[in-house]
Amino acid sequence: MPRGDAARAVAGARLAGLARGLPDGLTVRMMDLDDSKRLGDFRVRVVATLEDPDHYRMAGEVGDFVADHLGDKGVTAGIFRDGRLVAYGALGLPGPKDPNRGRDLDLPEEELSLVAHMSSAMVDPAERGRGLHHRLIDWRLEVAEALGCRHLVTTVSTRNHRSWGHLAGHGVYPKRMLRVGGDLVRLLVHRDFQSTPVFDTATAGLVAIEALAGRWDVFERGHVWGRVSLGEGNERCWYALHGRAR
């Protein structure tokens, strides 16, 4: 799988789809090492605004996120308003000696070189609700497939159901749970570009979002297909929909 300049060329060639139909005033471009401070500052600012600090904790990251995803170990697209970064999506491209989430899925050794990481996407609170996260998911899916990736993997907080719900809506499903950074419980989400699983409705079940972190048994019976809500207003509750593939 290409990395470095070759990967950036492939990713850059697919920016047109990401740019098409963006809300007025927004532009998109590839980010590089000259953007290191801009990306680092933006990440710190967005994380500080999160309602739940568990949604994204940098303690769970491996390596230097900014240098890796702006350098030879990843590609990153930035969305800008008047030259100010308002959203980004990063795709990690681990090399042979780098940490690889494919090992957490027990993938065969020969398939680890076909793994990409759906590393991180963040959107400025003022720009949320405009579909930017969905666009950044689609762009990274397109780039990963164009690079010859078979497996797309990342981790996300069990409590950040909006993010993993978005990913599941694009066919990137929570497959199991694991601990990262010592005490963090995270969903391991995965998409295999060579397989399109179909939900077996006979095995359908719901588990309350707030209880999911303690329900490791859910993944012994399949995986999580998405999130659903029941009730309205103050009575509205969110659930993880789980079951087997067929």
Protein backbone atom coordinates (compact mmCIF):
# COMPACT_ATOMS: atom_id res chain seq x y z
CA MET A 1 0.00 0.00 0.00
CA PRO A 2 1.54 3.37 -0.97
CA ARG A 3 2.53 5.87 1.71
CA GLY A 4 4.12 9.31 1.85
CA ASP A 5 3.98 11.43 -1.31
CA ALA A 6 2.37 8.64 -3.35
CA ALA A 7 -0.48 8.30 -0.84
CA ARG A 8 -0.96 12.08 -0.67
CA ALA A 9 -1.25 12.21 -4.46
CA VAL A 10 -4.00 9.56 -4.39
CA ALA A 11 -5.79 11.32 -1.52
CA GLY A 12 -5.48 14.75 -3.13
CA ALA A 13 -6.97 13.49 -6.37
CA ARG A 14 -10.13 12.61 -4.43
CA LEU A 15 -10.64 15.99 -2.77
CA ALA A 16 -13.07 17.04 -5.50
CA GLY A 17 -15.76 14.75 -4.10
CA LEU A 18 -15.22 16.15 -0.61
CA ALA A 19 -15.32 19.74 -1.87
CA ARG A 20 -18.45 19.23 -4.00
CA GLY A 21 -21.50 20.70 -2.31
CA LEU A 22 -19.70 22.05 0.77
CA PRO A 23 -21.65 24.78 2.59
CA ASP A 24 -20.93 28.29 1.33
CA GLY A 25 -17.65 29.77 2.47
CA LEU A 26 -15.88 26.46 3.10
CA THR A 27 -12.88 25.17 1.17
CA VAL A 28 -10.84 21.97 1.44
CA ARG A 29 -7.21 21.02 0.86
CA MET A 30 -4.64 18.45 1.85
CA MET A 31 -2.68 19.30 5.00
CA ASP A 32 1.08 18.79 5.36
CA LEU A 33 3.82 19.27 7.93
CA ASP A 34 3.64 23.06 7.52
CA ASP A 35 0.19 22.77 9.15
CA SER A 36 1.52 21.05 12.27
CA LYS A 37 0.84 23.89 14.72
CA ARG A 38 -2.52 24.65 13.13
CA LEU A 39 -3.68 21.03 13.46
CA GLY A 40 -2.24 20.57 16.95
CA ASP A 41 -3.88 23.75 18.29
CA PHE A 42 -7.22 22.87 16.66
CA ARG A 43 -7.28 19.41 18.22
CA VAL A 44 -6.60 20.80 21.70
CA ARG A 45 -9.33 23.42 21.27
CA VAL A 46 -11.99 20.98 20.06
CA VAL A 47 -11.22 18.38 22.73
CA ALA A 48 -11.61 21.10 25.38
CA THR A 49 -15.20 21.73 24.18
CA LEU A 50 -16.40 18.13 24.43
CA GLU A 51 -19.36 17.61 26.75
CA ASP A 52 -17.94 14.26 27.85
CA PRO A 53 -14.12 14.13 28.23
CA ASP A 54 -14.23 10.39 27.52
CA HIS A 55 -15.30 11.03 23.93
CA TYR A 56 -11.70 11.73 22.92
CA ARG A 57 -8.71 11.35 25.20
CA MET A 58 -5.31 11.85 23.64
CA ALA A 59 -3.86 9.49 26.26
CA GLY A 60 -5.12 6.65 24.10
CA GLU A 61 -3.07 7.69 21.06
CA VAL A 62 0.14 5.99 19.96
CA GLY A 63 3.06 7.96 18.53
CA ASP A 64 2.94 11.62 17.49
CA PHE A 65 -0.50 12.07 15.95
CA VAL A 66 0.19 15.35 14.17
CA ALA A 67 3.61 14.41 12.75
CA ASP A 68 2.44 10.94 11.72
CA HIS A 69 -0.73 12.05 9.93
CA LEU A 70 0.85 15.02 8.20
CA GLY A 71 3.99 13.07 7.33
CA ASP A 72 4.69 9.66 5.83
CA LYS A 73 2.32 7.63 8.06
CA GLY A 74 -0.97 9.14 6.99
CA VAL A 75 -2.99 11.61 4.95
CA THR A 76 -5.16 14.42 6.28
CA ALA A 77 -7.75 16.67 4.64
CA GLY A 78 -8.61 20.01 6.21
CA ILE A 79 -11.77 22.05 5.75
CA PHE A 80 -11.29 25.82 6.11
CA ARG A 81 -13.36 28.97 6.47
CA ASP A 82 -11.49 32.18 5.57
CA GLY A 83 -8.19 30.36 6.04
CA ARG A 84 -9.15 29.05 9.50
CA LEU A 85 -9.26 25.28 10.08
CA VAL A 86 -12.78 24.21 11.03
CA ALA A 87 -12.65 20.43 10.44
CA TYR A 88 -10.24 17.67 9.49
CA GLY A 89 -10.23 13.96 8.74
CA ALA A 90 -7.08 11.84 9.13
CA LEU A 91 -6.35 8.41 7.68
CA GLY A 92 -3.43 6.50 9.21
CA LEU A 93 -1.26 4.23 7.06
CA PRO A 94 0.80 2.05 9.41
CA GLY A 95 4.06 0.59 8.13
CA PRO A 96 5.47 -2.88 8.93
CA LYS A 97 6.98 -1.77 12.27
CA ASP A 98 4.16 0.53 13.38
CA PRO A 99 1.32 -0.25 15.79
CA ASN A 100 -1.50 -1.83 13.80
CA ARG A 101 -5.10 -2.20 15.00
CA GLY A 102 -5.43 -5.19 12.69
CA ARG A 103 -3.68 -7.19 15.38
CA ASP A 104 -6.54 -6.38 17.76
CA LEU A 105 -8.84 -8.03 15.23
CA ASP A 106 -6.55 -11.08 15.02
CA LEU A 107 -6.06 -10.53 11.29
CA PRO A 108 -3.60 -12.85 9.52
CA GLU A 109 -0.06 -11.44 9.42
CA GLU A 110 -0.17 -11.20 5.62
CA GLU A 111 -3.19 -8.85 5.79
CA LEU A 112 -1.67 -6.33 8.19
CA SER A 113 -0.08 -4.45 5.29
CA LEU A 114 -3.61 -3.89 3.94
CA VAL A 115 -4.84 -2.10 7.10
CA ALA A 116 -5.55 1.62 7.29
CA HIS A 117 -6.67 3.48 10.42
CA MET A 118 -9.73 5.77 10.37
CA SER A 119 -7.70 7.76 12.85
CA SER A 120 -9.63 10.87 13.80
CA ALA A 121 -12.02 13.53 12.55
CA MET A 122 -12.97 16.70 14.40
CA VAL A 123 -15.36 19.52 13.57
CA ASP A 124 -15.46 23.00 15.08
CA PRO A 125 -18.59 23.25 17.28
CA ALA A 126 -19.76 26.25 15.23
CA GLU A 127 -19.77 24.13 12.05
CA ARG A 128 -21.52 21.03 13.37
CA GLY A 129 -24.80 19.90 11.88
CA ARG A 130 -23.62 20.60 8.31
CA GLY A 131 -22.67 17.03 7.43
CA LEU A 132 -18.92 17.63 7.53
CA HIS A 133 -18.19 14.51 9.58
CA HIS A 134 -20.08 12.34 7.09
CA ARG A 135 -18.19 13.92 4.19
CA LEU A 136 -14.86 13.24 5.90
CA ILE A 137 -15.84 9.61 6.50
CA ASP A 138 -16.74 9.18 2.84
CA TRP A 139 -13.48 10.78 1.68
CA ARG A 140 -11.38 8.49 3.86
CA LEU A 141 -13.31 5.42 2.71
CA GLU A 142 -12.70 6.40 -0.91
CA VAL A 143 -9.01 7.07 -0.31
CA ALA A 144 -8.45 3.84 1.62
CA GLU A 145 -10.06 1.78 -1.12
CA ALA A 146 -8.08 3.63 -3.83
CA LEU A 147 -4.85 2.88 -1.95
CA GLY A 148 -5.60 -0.85 -2.07
CA CYS A 149 -6.55 -1.11 1.59
CA ARG A 150 -8.70 -4.10 2.55
CA HIS A 151 -9.31 -3.34 6.24
CA LEU A 152 -10.26 -0.01 7.80
CA VAL A 153 -9.99 0.00 11.59
CA THR A 154 -10.12 2.49 14.45
CA THR A 155 -11.24 2.86 18.06
CA VAL A 156 -13.96 5.09 19.48
CA SER A 157 -15.42 5.68 22.93
CA THR A 158 -18.47 3.58 23.78
CA ARG A 159 -20.06 6.80 25.06
CA ASN A 160 -19.40 8.71 21.84
CA HIS A 161 -22.37 7.08 20.16
CA ARG A 162 -22.83 9.93 17.67
CA SER A 163 -19.40 9.24 16.17
CA TRP A 164 -19.61 5.45 16.08
CA GLY A 165 -23.20 5.71 14.92
CA HIS A 166 -22.02 7.82 11.97
CA LEU A 167 -19.32 5.27 11.17
CA ALA A 168 -21.78 2.38 11.35
CA GLY A 169 -24.02 4.26 8.94
CA HIS A 170 -21.13 4.10 6.45
CA GLY A 171 -20.55 0.37 6.96
CA VAL A 172 -17.76 0.68 9.57
CA TYR A 173 -19.12 -1.40 12.44
CA PRO A 174 -18.05 -1.91 16.09
CA LYS A 175 -16.72 -5.49 16.15
CA ARG A 176 -15.33 -5.83 19.68
CA MET A 177 -14.13 -3.90 22.73
CA LEU A 178 -10.63 -3.43 24.06
CA ARG A 179 -8.67 -1.39 26.58
CA VAL A 180 -6.27 1.30 25.38
CA GLY A 181 -4.02 3.66 27.29
CA GLY A 182 -4.48 1.61 30.46
CA ASP A 183 -8.02 2.40 31.61
CA LEU A 184 -9.90 3.43 28.46
CA VAL A 185 -12.59 1.08 27.16
CA ARG A 186 -12.99 1.54 23.43
CA LEU A 187 -15.04 0.04 20.62
CA LEU A 188 -12.92 -1.43 17.84
CA VAL A 189 -14.68 -0.55 14.59
CA HIS A 190 -13.90 -2.24 11.27
CA ARG A 191 -14.80 -2.41 7.62
CA ASP A 192 -13.65 -5.13 5.25
CA PHE A 193 -13.80 -3.80 1.70
CA GLN A 194 -14.07 -7.35 0.37
CA SER A 195 -17.13 -8.24 2.44
CA THR A 196 -20.62 -6.77 2.76
CA PRO A 197 -22.26 -8.35 5.81
CA VAL A 198 -26.06 -8.46 6.09
CA PHE A 199 -27.74 -8.06 9.46
CA ASP A 200 -29.50 -11.18 10.74
CA THR A 201 -32.67 -9.69 12.22
CA ALA A 202 -33.40 -12.91 14.12
CA THR A 203 -30.45 -12.13 16.43
CA ALA A 204 -31.31 -8.45 16.96
CA GLY A 205 -30.93 -6.99 20.42
CA LEU A 206 -30.65 -3.62 22.11
CA VAL A 207 -28.40 -2.49 24.94
CA ALA A 208 -28.51 0.94 26.56
CA ILE A 209 -25.62 3.15 25.43
CA GLU A 210 -24.60 3.92 29.01
CA ALA A 211 -24.35 0.18 29.77
CA LEU A 212 -22.39 -0.77 26.64
CA ALA A 213 -18.91 -0.36 28.17
CA GLY A 214 -19.71 -3.18 30.60
CA ARG A 215 -21.35 -5.49 28.08
CA TRP A 216 -18.38 -7.27 26.51
CA ASP A 217 -20.67 -10.27 26.08
CA VAL A 218 -22.55 -8.43 23.32
CA PHE A 219 -19.62 -9.00 20.99
CA GLU A 220 -19.60 -12.73 21.63
CA ARG A 221 -22.94 -12.84 19.81
CA GLY A 222 -22.03 -10.66 16.84
CA HIS A 223 -21.30 -6.95 16.64
CA VAL A 224 -22.97 -3.55 16.87
CA TRP A 225 -24.75 -2.42 13.72
CA GLY A 226 -25.72 1.07 14.79
CA ARG A 227 -27.59 3.17 17.31
CA VAL A 228 -31.33 3.69 17.64
CA SER A 229 -33.42 5.97 19.84
CA LEU A 230 -36.68 5.26 21.62
CA GLY A 231 -38.99 7.87 23.09
CA GLU A 232 -39.23 11.63 22.60
CA GLY A 233 -38.02 14.73 24.41
CA ASN A 234 -36.84 14.07 27.97
CA GLU A 235 -37.90 10.43 27.58
CA ARG A 236 -35.61 9.82 24.61
CA CYS A 237 -32.99 7.12 25.19
CA TRP A 238 -30.25 5.80 22.92
CA TYR A 239 -29.46 2.12 22.40
CA ALA A 240 -26.85 0.10 20.55
CA LEU A 241 -28.37 -2.34 18.05
CA HIS A 242 -26.40 -5.59 18.01
CA GLY A 243 -26.62 -8.99 16.39
CA ARG A 244 -24.97 -11.42 14.01
CA ALA A 245 -24.16 -11.18 10.32
CA ARG A 246 -25.58 -13.56 7.74
